[in-house]
Amino acid sequence: MFRREGPARDARTNMQLAAYLAATAGFVNSGGFVMIGSFTSHVTGSVGRFANDLANGQLAASLSALSLVMAFFAGGVSASFVLEDQRVRVPLRYCLVLAVEAVLLLGFVFIAGLSRTTHPRLLDAMAALLCAAMGLQNSLVTRLSGAVVRTTHLTGIVTDLSIEGVRWYRWYKRRFLPRASQPPAPAPDGRVALLLAITGSFVVGAAAGAILTARASRWAMCLPAALVGAASAFAFYQGLPGRRQTE
């Protein structure tokens, strides 16, 4: 799962990891919105909020929105520094990044328990923890899959699904409704399964995050923290000396 990077990975392993972490990101994104009113698994909404607040002359609010973007960026940079360190075995690099993500999620739970404030700027400070965690995860998955998989947002995934859908349609039309003037269309490469796995997992995770957070408040965030922690433990296991490279 964490031994190979980029082209050396097979499609099945990428799909398993993508579905697992996409569910986690969906949970964090919707759970965070229920609790603090901010989407945190992507930066698009934060940039839009920054621009809107700036246009309305709300400088403090616009800077606060920009801080969420910077927190996501900082998470991605931090993960990249660790993952580029050639002195550490590959699985152990991913173990460390996932462990930090789990700590950030648990830190959110802890701080939410200490603070009962509804001040929007303080809520944004809490949201920054989730943004940093998602930045870590997005950088990790991008590096591990060779930029094949994204798990923290669906805009690109849905776009790719629309493209693949047209390819399948053209293949079906040429395969089963042939014309003499049409060359045979090559069969699509099966990427639809990966895209559907990411989309479905994100949606399921988002629904679970909203429902559980509405009922259990901050404690619901312990679930994605546990899932990420389990992935970190598995990466640590794969990085132990003497483990077979085929695992």
C-alpha atoms as a PDB file:
ATOM      1  CA  MET A   1       0.000   0.000   0.000  1.00  0.00           C
ATOM      2  CA  PHE A   2       2.755   2.478   0.948  1.00  0.00           C
ATOM      3  CA  ARG A   3       5.863   0.804  -0.491  1.00  0.00           C
ATOM      4  CA  ARG A   4       5.555   1.969  -4.084  1.00  0.00           C
ATOM      5  CA  GLU A   5       5.017   5.390  -5.574  1.00  0.00           C
ATOM      6  CA  GLY A   6       3.767   6.673  -8.922  1.00  0.00           C
ATOM      7  CA  PRO A   7       3.764   4.343 -11.947  1.00  0.00           C
ATOM      8  CA  ALA A   8       5.015   1.426  -9.839  1.00  0.00           C
ATOM      9  CA  ARG A   9       1.620   1.237  -8.117  1.00  0.00           C
ATOM     10  CA  ASP A  10      -1.234  -0.850  -9.518  1.00  0.00           C
ATOM     11  CA  ALA A  11      -4.748   0.431 -10.155  1.00  0.00           C
ATOM     12  CA  ARG A  12      -6.343  -1.729  -7.463  1.00  0.00           C
ATOM     13  CA  THR A  13      -4.074  -0.396  -4.719  1.00  0.00           C
ATOM     14  CA  ASN A  14      -4.688   3.172  -5.843  1.00  0.00           C
ATOM     15  CA  MET A  15      -8.428   2.589  -5.739  1.00  0.00           C
ATOM     16  CA  GLN A  16      -8.346   1.148  -2.225  1.00  0.00           C
ATOM     17  CA  LEU A  17      -6.288   4.004  -0.850  1.00  0.00           C
ATOM     18  CA  ALA A  18      -8.296   6.622  -2.742  1.00  0.00           C
ATOM     19  CA  ALA A  19     -11.626   5.332  -1.456  1.00  0.00           C
ATOM     20  CA  TYR A  20     -10.337   5.141   2.120  1.00  0.00           C
ATOM     21  CA  LEU A  21      -8.911   8.645   2.252  1.00  0.00           C
ATOM     22  CA  ALA A  22     -11.687  10.228   0.175  1.00  0.00           C
ATOM     23  CA  ALA A  23     -14.213   9.051   2.765  1.00  0.00           C
ATOM     24  CA  THR A  24     -12.034  10.600   5.450  1.00  0.00           C
ATOM     25  CA  ALA A  25     -11.820  13.922   3.598  1.00  0.00           C
ATOM     26  CA  GLY A  26     -15.561  13.992   2.965  1.00  0.00           C
ATOM     27  CA  PHE A  27     -16.198  13.394   6.662  1.00  0.00           C
ATOM     28  CA  VAL A  28     -13.805  16.166   7.749  1.00  0.00           C
ATOM     29  CA  ASN A  29     -15.188  18.614   5.205  1.00  0.00           C
ATOM     30  CA  SER A  30     -18.848  18.232   6.106  1.00  0.00           C
ATOM     31  CA  GLY A  31     -18.233  17.707   9.819  1.00  0.00           C
ATOM     32  CA  GLY A  32     -16.194  20.879   9.948  1.00  0.00           C
ATOM     33  CA  PHE A  33     -18.928  22.793   8.157  1.00  0.00           C
ATOM     34  CA  VAL A  34     -21.586  21.602  10.609  1.00  0.00           C
ATOM     35  CA  MET A  35     -19.447  22.633  13.588  1.00  0.00           C
ATOM     36  CA  ILE A  36     -17.749  25.838  12.468  1.00  0.00           C
ATOM     37  CA  GLY A  37     -19.345  26.833   9.177  1.00  0.00           C
ATOM     38  CA  SER A  38     -16.272  26.403   6.964  1.00  0.00           C
ATOM     39  CA  PHE A  39     -15.451  23.922   4.237  1.00  0.00           C
ATOM     40  CA  THR A  40     -11.887  22.802   4.812  1.00  0.00           C
ATOM     41  CA  SER A  41     -10.913  20.067   2.358  1.00  0.00           C
ATOM     42  CA  HIS A  42     -10.301  22.477  -0.539  1.00  0.00           C
ATOM     43  CA  VAL A  43      -9.349  26.122  -0.999  1.00  0.00           C
ATOM     44  CA  THR A  44     -11.896  27.242  -3.606  1.00  0.00           C
ATOM     45  CA  GLY A  45     -14.536  28.319  -1.121  1.00  0.00           C
ATOM     46  CA  SER A  46     -11.984  30.080   1.068  1.00  0.00           C
ATOM     47  CA  VAL A  47     -10.670  32.098  -1.884  1.00  0.00           C
ATOM     48  CA  GLY A  48     -14.226  33.051  -2.826  1.00  0.00           C
ATOM     49  CA  ARG A  49     -14.912  34.124   0.751  1.00  0.00           C
ATOM     50  CA  PHE A  50     -11.694  36.138   0.818  1.00  0.00           C
ATOM     51  CA  ALA A  51     -12.685  38.018  -2.322  1.00  0.00           C
ATOM     52  CA  ASN A  52     -16.231  38.653  -1.089  1.00  0.00           C
ATOM     53  CA  ASP A  53     -15.086  39.919   2.324  1.00  0.00           C
ATOM     54  CA  LEU A  54     -12.456  42.114   0.689  1.00  0.00           C
ATOM     55  CA  ALA A  55     -15.015  43.616  -1.678  1.00  0.00           C
ATOM     56  CA  ASN A  56     -17.284  44.396   1.285  1.00  0.00           C
ATOM     57  CA  GLY A  57     -14.484  46.154   3.119  1.00  0.00           C
ATOM     58  CA  GLN A  58     -14.203  43.513   5.853  1.00  0.00           C
ATOM     59  CA  LEU A  59     -10.433  43.364   6.046  1.00  0.00           C
ATOM     60  CA  ALA A  60     -10.186  41.187   9.168  1.00  0.00           C
ATOM     61  CA  ALA A  61     -12.627  38.640   7.755  1.00  0.00           C
ATOM     62  CA  SER A  62     -10.849  38.556   4.379  1.00  0.00           C
ATOM     63  CA  LEU A  63      -7.466  37.965   6.018  1.00  0.00           C
ATOM     64  CA  SER A  64      -9.001  35.237   8.133  1.00  0.00           C
ATOM     65  CA  ALA A  65     -10.323  33.533   5.012  1.00  0.00           C
ATOM     66  CA  LEU A  66      -6.903  33.855   3.403  1.00  0.00           C
ATOM     67  CA  SER A  67      -5.353  32.177   6.448  1.00  0.00           C
ATOM     68  CA  LEU A  68      -7.362  29.041   5.635  1.00  0.00           C
ATOM     69  CA  VAL A  69      -5.771  28.944   2.193  1.00  0.00           C
ATOM     70  CA  MET A  70      -2.345  29.400   3.728  1.00  0.00           C
ATOM     71  CA  ALA A  71      -3.016  26.642   6.274  1.00  0.00           C
ATOM     72  CA  PHE A  72      -3.877  24.220   3.452  1.00  0.00           C
ATOM     73  CA  PHE A  73      -0.728  25.316   1.617  1.00  0.00           C
ATOM     74  CA  ALA A  74       1.379  24.896   4.748  1.00  0.00           C
ATOM     75  CA  GLY A  75       0.047  21.374   5.191  1.00  0.00           C
ATOM     76  CA  GLY A  76       0.994  20.484   1.635  1.00  0.00           C
ATOM     77  CA  VAL A  77       4.471  21.976   1.986  1.00  0.00           C
ATOM     78  CA  SER A  78       5.092  20.178   5.275  1.00  0.00           C
ATOM     79  CA  ALA A  79       4.067  16.833   3.799  1.00  0.00           C
ATOM     80  CA  SER A  80       6.290  17.385   0.768  1.00  0.00           C
ATOM     81  CA  PHE A  81       9.323  18.131   2.934  1.00  0.00           C
ATOM     82  CA  VAL A  82       8.864  14.798   4.719  1.00  0.00           C
ATOM     83  CA  LEU A  83       8.066  12.793   1.588  1.00  0.00           C
ATOM     84  CA  GLU A  84      11.129  14.133  -0.242  1.00  0.00           C
ATOM     85  CA  ASP A  85      13.500  13.038   2.531  1.00  0.00           C
ATOM     86  CA  GLN A  86      15.508  10.228   0.969  1.00  0.00           C
ATOM     87  CA  ARG A  87      17.122   9.286   4.288  1.00  0.00           C
ATOM     88  CA  VAL A  88      13.909   7.658   5.531  1.00  0.00           C
ATOM     89  CA  ARG A  89      12.315   4.482   4.171  1.00  0.00           C
ATOM     90  CA  VAL A  90       9.361   5.244   1.904  1.00  0.00           C
ATOM     91  CA  PRO A  91       6.585   3.724   4.065  1.00  0.00           C
ATOM     92  CA  LEU A  92       7.892   5.487   7.175  1.00  0.00           C
ATOM     93  CA  ARG A  93       7.621   8.849   5.442  1.00  0.00           C
ATOM     94  CA  TYR A  94       3.939   8.230   4.832  1.00  0.00           C
ATOM     95  CA  CYS A  95       3.567   6.929   8.378  1.00  0.00           C
ATOM     96  CA  LEU A  96       4.829  10.237   9.745  1.00  0.00           C
ATOM     97  CA  VAL A  97       2.646  12.421   7.511  1.00  0.00           C
ATOM     98  CA  LEU A  98      -0.483  10.415   8.346  1.00  0.00           C
ATOM     99  CA  ALA A  99       0.367  10.550  12.040  1.00  0.00           C
ATOM    100  CA  VAL A 100       0.626  14.345  11.901  1.00  0.00           C
ATOM    101  CA  GLU A 101      -2.727  14.511  10.114  1.00  0.00           C
ATOM    102  CA  ALA A 102      -4.318  12.394  12.853  1.00  0.00           C
ATOM    103  CA  VAL A 103      -2.783  14.667  15.526  1.00  0.00           C
ATOM    104  CA  LEU A 104      -4.205  17.758  13.812  1.00  0.00           C
ATOM    105  CA  LEU A 105      -7.678  16.210  13.749  1.00  0.00           C
ATOM    106  CA  LEU A 106      -7.425  15.272  17.416  1.00  0.00           C
ATOM    107  CA  GLY A 107      -6.111  18.763  18.139  1.00  0.00           C
ATOM    108  CA  PHE A 108      -9.289  20.149  16.616  1.00  0.00           C
ATOM    109  CA  VAL A 109     -11.358  17.939  18.933  1.00  0.00           C
ATOM    110  CA  PHE A 110      -9.351  19.109  21.960  1.00  0.00           C
ATOM    111  CA  ILE A 111      -9.533  22.820  21.127  1.00  0.00           C
ATOM    112  CA  ALA A 112     -13.238  22.599  20.292  1.00  0.00           C
ATOM    113  CA  GLY A 113     -13.758  21.165  23.770  1.00  0.00           C
ATOM    114  CA  LEU A 114     -11.909  24.033  25.417  1.00  0.00           C
ATOM    115  CA  SER A 115     -13.541  26.792  23.435  1.00  0.00           C
ATOM    116  CA  ARG A 116     -17.239  27.572  23.490  1.00  0.00           C
ATOM    117  CA  THR A 117     -16.858  30.714  21.429  1.00  0.00           C
ATOM    118  CA  THR A 118     -18.922  31.557  18.368  1.00  0.00           C
ATOM    119  CA  HIS A 119     -16.676  34.426  17.275  1.00  0.00           C
ATOM    120  CA  PRO A 120     -16.087  33.916  13.538  1.00  0.00           C
ATOM    121  CA  ARG A 121     -12.356  34.724  13.696  1.00  0.00           C
ATOM    122  CA  LEU A 122     -11.746  32.135  16.415  1.00  0.00           C
ATOM    123  CA  LEU A 123     -13.798  29.597  14.485  1.00  0.00           C
ATOM    124  CA  ASP A 124     -11.565  30.259  11.482  1.00  0.00           C
ATOM    125  CA  ALA A 125      -8.526  29.565  13.659  1.00  0.00           C
ATOM    126  CA  MET A 126     -10.036  26.165  14.480  1.00  0.00           C
ATOM    127  CA  ALA A 127     -10.832  25.592  10.809  1.00  0.00           C
ATOM    128  CA  ALA A 128      -7.161  26.200   9.971  1.00  0.00           C
ATOM    129  CA  LEU A 129      -6.279  22.958  11.765  1.00  0.00           C
ATOM    130  CA  LEU A 130      -8.597  21.003   9.485  1.00  0.00           C
ATOM    131  CA  CYS A 131      -7.307  22.846   6.411  1.00  0.00           C
ATOM    132  CA  ALA A 132      -3.723  21.958   7.322  1.00  0.00           C
ATOM    133  CA  ALA A 133      -4.723  18.300   7.803  1.00  0.00           C
ATOM    134  CA  MET A 134      -6.371  18.217   4.389  1.00  0.00           C
ATOM    135  CA  GLY A 135      -3.371  19.899   2.791  1.00  0.00           C
ATOM    136  CA  LEU A 136      -1.174  17.169   4.247  1.00  0.00           C
ATOM    137  CA  GLN A 137      -3.460  14.468   2.905  1.00  0.00           C
ATOM    138  CA  ASN A 138      -3.791  15.941  -0.555  1.00  0.00           C
ATOM    139  CA  SER A 139      -0.021  16.295  -0.913  1.00  0.00           C
ATOM    140  CA  LEU A 140       0.513  12.767   0.390  1.00  0.00           C
ATOM    141  CA  VAL A 141      -1.942  11.127  -2.012  1.00  0.00           C
ATOM    142  CA  THR A 142      -0.716  13.172  -4.964  1.00  0.00           C
ATOM    143  CA  ARG A 143       2.877  12.097  -4.329  1.00  0.00           C
ATOM    144  CA  LEU A 144       2.047   8.486  -3.596  1.00  0.00           C
ATOM    145  CA  SER A 145      -0.135   7.974  -6.675  1.00  0.00           C
ATOM    146  CA  GLY A 146       2.002   9.994  -9.070  1.00  0.00           C
ATOM    147  CA  ALA A 147      -0.685  12.703  -9.383  1.00  0.00           C
ATOM    148  CA  VAL A 148      -3.263  10.116 -10.483  1.00  0.00           C
ATOM    149  CA  VAL A 149      -5.450  10.429  -7.380  1.00  0.00           C
ATOM    150  CA  ARG A 150      -6.938  13.398  -5.527  1.00  0.00           C
ATOM    151  CA  THR A 151      -9.083  12.749  -2.459  1.00  0.00           C
ATOM    152  CA  THR A 152      -9.963  16.071  -0.830  1.00  0.00           C
ATOM    153  CA  HIS A 153     -12.189  17.643  -3.513  1.00  0.00           C
ATOM    154  CA  LEU A 154     -14.483  16.500  -6.302  1.00  0.00           C
ATOM    155  CA  THR A 155     -14.372  19.253  -8.935  1.00  0.00           C
ATOM    156  CA  GLY A 156     -11.624  17.631 -10.989  1.00  0.00           C
ATOM    157  CA  ILE A 157     -13.031  14.160 -10.342  1.00  0.00           C
ATOM    158  CA  VAL A 158     -16.471  15.067 -11.700  1.00  0.00           C
ATOM    159  CA  THR A 159     -14.842  16.763 -14.698  1.00  0.00           C
ATOM    160  CA  ASP A 160     -12.829  13.611 -15.417  1.00  0.00           C
ATOM    161  CA  LEU A 161     -15.984  11.513 -15.066  1.00  0.00           C
ATOM    162  CA  SER A 162     -17.714  13.626 -17.709  1.00  0.00           C
ATOM    163  CA  ILE A 163     -14.775  13.130 -20.087  1.00  0.00           C
ATOM    164  CA  GLU A 164     -14.605   9.398 -19.440  1.00  0.00           C
ATOM    165  CA  GLY A 165     -18.366   9.128 -19.879  1.00  0.00           C
ATOM    166  CA  VAL A 166     -18.102  10.551 -23.388  1.00  0.00           C
ATOM    167  CA  ARG A 167     -15.242   8.160 -24.181  1.00  0.00           C
ATOM    168  CA  TRP A 168     -17.335   5.204 -23.096  1.00  0.00           C
ATOM    169  CA  TYR A 169     -20.262   6.469 -25.151  1.00  0.00           C
ATOM    170  CA  ARG A 170     -18.095   6.803 -28.272  1.00  0.00           C
ATOM    171  CA  TRP A 171     -16.601   3.362 -27.685  1.00  0.00           C
ATOM    172  CA  TYR A 172     -20.063   1.796 -27.269  1.00  0.00           C
ATOM    173  CA  LYS A 173     -21.406   3.546 -30.351  1.00  0.00           C
ATOM    174  CA  ARG A 174     -18.508   2.427 -32.551  1.00  0.00           C
ATOM    175  CA  ARG A 175     -18.401  -1.054 -31.031  1.00  0.00           C
ATOM    176  CA  PHE A 176     -22.076  -1.928 -31.297  1.00  0.00           C
ATOM    177  CA  LEU A 177     -23.307   0.500 -33.948  1.00  0.00           C
ATOM    178  CA  PRO A 178     -20.471   0.318 -36.478  1.00  0.00           C
ATOM    179  CA  ARG A 179     -20.368   2.320 -39.684  1.00  0.00           C
ATOM    180  CA  ALA A 180     -18.139   1.682 -42.631  1.00  0.00           C
ATOM    181  CA  SER A 181     -16.642   5.172 -42.416  1.00  0.00           C
ATOM    182  CA  GLN A 182     -15.817   4.947 -38.711  1.00  0.00           C
ATOM    183  CA  PRO A 183     -12.511   3.538 -37.491  1.00  0.00           C
ATOM    184  CA  PRO A 184     -12.799   1.248 -34.457  1.00  0.00           C
ATOM    185  CA  ALA A 185     -12.556   3.183 -31.192  1.00  0.00           C
ATOM    186  CA  PRO A 186     -10.081   1.957 -28.579  1.00  0.00           C
ATOM    187  CA  ALA A 187     -11.707   0.752 -25.378  1.00  0.00           C
ATOM    188  CA  PRO A 188     -11.450   3.208 -22.442  1.00  0.00           C
ATOM    189  CA  ASP A 189      -8.782   2.346 -19.907  1.00  0.00           C
ATOM    190  CA  GLY A 190     -11.119   1.655 -16.989  1.00  0.00           C
ATOM    191  CA  ARG A 191     -10.317   4.837 -15.052  1.00  0.00           C
ATOM    192  CA  VAL A 192     -14.035   5.324 -14.465  1.00  0.00           C
ATOM    193  CA  ALA A 193     -13.943   2.771 -11.640  1.00  0.00           C
ATOM    194  CA  LEU A 194     -11.323   4.796  -9.770  1.00  0.00           C
ATOM    195  CA  LEU A 195     -13.210   8.052 -10.270  1.00  0.00           C
ATOM    196  CA  LEU A 196     -16.478   6.510  -9.130  1.00  0.00           C
ATOM    197  CA  ALA A 197     -14.791   5.030  -6.062  1.00  0.00           C
ATOM    198  CA  ILE A 198     -13.442   8.439  -5.058  1.00  0.00           C
ATOM    199  CA  THR A 199     -16.763  10.183  -5.686  1.00  0.00           C
ATOM    200  CA  GLY A 200     -18.852   7.585  -3.893  1.00  0.00           C
ATOM    201  CA  SER A 201     -16.516   7.406  -0.909  1.00  0.00           C
ATOM    202  CA  PHE A 202     -16.354  11.187  -0.558  1.00  0.00           C
ATOM    203  CA  VAL A 203     -20.145  11.458  -0.664  1.00  0.00           C
ATOM    204  CA  VAL A 204     -20.627   8.653   1.871  1.00  0.00           C
ATOM    205  CA  GLY A 205     -17.989  10.179   4.141  1.00  0.00           C
ATOM    206  CA  ALA A 206     -19.589  13.621   3.820  1.00  0.00           C
ATOM    207  CA  ALA A 207     -23.029  12.271   4.730  1.00  0.00           C
ATOM    208  CA  ALA A 208     -21.623  10.380   7.703  1.00  0.00           C
ATOM    209  CA  GLY A 209     -19.674  13.440   8.827  1.00  0.00           C
ATOM    210  CA  ALA A 210     -22.705  15.713   8.753  1.00  0.00           C
ATOM    211  CA  ILE A 211     -24.992  13.230  10.513  1.00  0.00           C
ATOM    212  CA  LEU A 212     -22.540  12.180  13.218  1.00  0.00           C
ATOM    213  CA  THR A 213     -21.315  15.718  13.898  1.00  0.00           C
ATOM    214  CA  ALA A 214     -24.893  16.946  14.248  1.00  0.00           C
ATOM    215  CA  ARG A 215     -25.425  14.255  16.879  1.00  0.00           C
ATOM    216  CA  ALA A 216     -22.053  13.939  18.610  1.00  0.00           C
ATOM    217  CA  SER A 217     -20.541  17.381  17.928  1.00  0.00           C
ATOM    218  CA  ARG A 218     -16.737  17.523  18.166  1.00  0.00           C
ATOM    219  CA  TRP A 219     -16.379  13.872  19.198  1.00  0.00           C
ATOM    220  CA  ALA A 220     -17.383  12.787  15.703  1.00  0.00           C
ATOM    221  CA  MET A 221     -14.029  14.044  14.432  1.00  0.00           C
ATOM    222  CA  CYS A 222     -12.365  11.246  16.397  1.00  0.00           C
ATOM    223  CA  LEU A 223     -13.550   8.798  13.717  1.00  0.00           C
ATOM    224  CA  PRO A 224     -11.532  10.220  10.791  1.00  0.00           C
ATOM    225  CA  ALA A 225      -8.613  10.711  13.198  1.00  0.00           C
ATOM    226  CA  ALA A 226      -8.788   7.005  14.039  1.00  0.00           C
ATOM    227  CA  LEU A 227      -8.981   6.036  10.356  1.00  0.00           C
ATOM    228  CA  VAL A 228      -5.931   8.125   9.504  1.00  0.00           C
ATOM    229  CA  GLY A 229      -4.129   6.799  12.567  1.00  0.00           C
ATOM    230  CA  ALA A 230      -4.812   3.240  11.447  1.00  0.00           C
ATOM    231  CA  ALA A 231      -3.362   4.034   8.007  1.00  0.00           C
ATOM    232  CA  SER A 232      -0.296   5.501   9.705  1.00  0.00           C
ATOM    233  CA  ALA A 233       0.143   2.339  11.770  1.00  0.00           C
ATOM    234  CA  PHE A 234      -0.107   0.198   8.642  1.00  0.00           C
ATOM    235  CA  ALA A 235       2.511   2.341   6.878  1.00  0.00           C
ATOM    236  CA  PHE A 236       4.775   1.921   9.917  1.00  0.00           C
ATOM    237  CA  TYR A 237       4.290  -1.851   9.736  1.00  0.00           C
ATOM    238  CA  GLN A 238       5.242  -1.886   6.065  1.00  0.00           C
ATOM    239  CA  GLY A 239       8.327   0.180   6.808  1.00  0.00           C
ATOM    240  CA  LEU A 240       9.730  -2.180   9.433  1.00  0.00           C
ATOM    241  CA  PRO A 241      13.102  -3.713   8.526  1.00  0.00           C
ATOM    242  CA  GLY A 242      12.754  -7.182   7.076  1.00  0.00           C
ATOM    243  CA  ARG A 243       9.265  -6.737   5.636  1.00  0.00           C
ATOM    244  CA  ARG A 244       8.986  -8.147   2.137  1.00  0.00           C
ATOM    245  CA  GLN A 245       8.963  -5.675  -0.727  1.00  0.00           C
ATOM    246  CA  THR A 246       6.026  -7.519  -2.271  1.00  0.00           C
ATOM    247  CA  GLU A 247       3.670  -6.672   0.583  1.00  0.00           C
END
